[in-house]
Amino acid sequence: MSESIPPPVVRPDEPSALGIQAARNLAHTAKTVPQMQGISSRWLLRILPWIDVPGGTYRVNRRLAYTIGDGKVKFDTAGLTTRVIPQTLREIPLFEGIADDAVLAALASAFEQHEAEPGTVIAQADAKADQLVLVASGKVDRTGAGAYTDSVSHGLLADGSYFGDQHLTRKGAWEFTYRATTACTILVLPRRRFKQLRSSMAELDIHVDDFRTRPRPPVTRRGEADIAIASGHDGEALLPAAFVDYEAAPREYPLSVAQTVLRINTRVSDLYNGPQDQTEQQLRLTIEALRERQEHDLVNHPDYGLLHNADARQRISTRSGPPTPDDLDELISMRRQTKYLLAHRRTIAAFARECTRAGIYPPGTEFNGHHVVAWRGIPFLPCNKIPISGNLTSSILALRTGEDNGGVVGLHQRGLTDEYEPGLSVRFMGIDDRATLSYLVSNYYSVASLLPSALGILENVEVGHYNGPADSP
């Protein structure tokens, strides 16, 4: 009699069929190319018209301008003490051209620090003016009499601005009233202290005398050398002779470079090259990183970056902190044909909140296949390379672009050796004794503003202002 075989015991926790994980090892799965979180929209690189620079340097020729010392001074803060950086005093017309740093250091040490609470009158219109005032931090409103009211705003002064320099060398009264709208730190140089420095420093005294007696050629409202033209005359009037003078030392923009060496082991490129080409994917991600660095440099580079090269007369500050529609209107009105606005996404969100607060719904617009925010018909494009400081303030850029419009243009060079994309080359460097392939990836670029009015900046933009339930009355 045959012995019966008992049925197998099946445990509930044991699989009864081939598992999914094991099956995937034998199946061909659909795969994505390698993804990268650091890729942004890079709108700045898209909107700039790119100029080929065969010689590696781009020279911007302009009419001769006599405007000097229209920048901003800078400060050094240690604890509760704020001091002006002596070399930046050359941004003030009276001190422009002082070569001796010791003279500037003596001037810097003569300033007196004061704190002003919001609403404090720093200088009163028609009162005696006898001091130079530097605004180290905070905002100061400049008001004067209007056509129909006693007080209208003539502009806002913010960090690095100054007023009263002309009163160090001649007596007079304040033309405007200067009132602190926020808590301010100001540095003051009284005229009596300035006279003491002049009497003790011969170089400073000679410089000031030369500045006061120096002839002032006729200029336009833009600070350019005037062109003599006669109009509205009758008969055979003697016409003025004129010529258009150019800058003797125009600014030149050499191309900057961002480079890296891409290394790939030959085993990877030989054995693991399907279904995606490993060399191609490595190169793609490397180029994406170089393009991100390119946009960052075009915005932030201290030599040619847009944030550091805007003319001081094209920089304004927000009046209350957040970016309001009034602030954007003032920024746009400072130039003809403003074509683009660029800001960090959080700044754009802050502007949208201010529009909501004012009961305004800013219409969007279709731009290059994307729906973006717009103001006055101008696309408001995001750019995450515009920094947000630790106190949650940022900037908004307003650009006019194009070489024909005297705008902002991007610079690169075409026709490079082993060119992979315009302005970018990939050169094979060989294989080392560790069987590693090397490629030199180089990206050449820069940016230039052809006219000062092509680029404007709205500064001190607060992005952390909300009107939630806690702020409601």
Foldseek 3Di string as FASTA:
>chain_A
DDDDDDDDDDDPVDDPDDDPVVVVVVDDDDDDFDDDPPFDPLVVVVPFAEDADAVQKDFFKDFAFDDALCAFWAWDDDPPDIWTDQVSVLSHVLNPPPPDSVLSVVVRVQWDKDKAAAFDWPFAFPDKQFKKKAWQAAKKWWWQCDPPGGIDTPAMDGHRDIDRPVNLVDIDGHHTIIGTRHITMMIMRGSVNVVVSCVVDVSSVVSNVCSVPPDDADADPVRGHDFQADDDDDDDDDTDDGDTHMDPDTDMDGWDKDKDKDKDFVCCQPPVCPPHRPVVSSVVVVVSVVSLVVSLCCQDPCPFHQVNPARSVQEGEDPPAADELVNVVVNVVLAPPFAAKEEAPLNVVSHCQNCVVVVHHFAWDQDPNDTAGDDPNHGYYYDNSFDQDPQQWTKMKTFDHDPVVQTKHKYAHADDVQDPDGQWHWAWPDADPSRMTIIMIMGIIGMDRNDSSRMHMHTNHHSPDHCDPVNDD
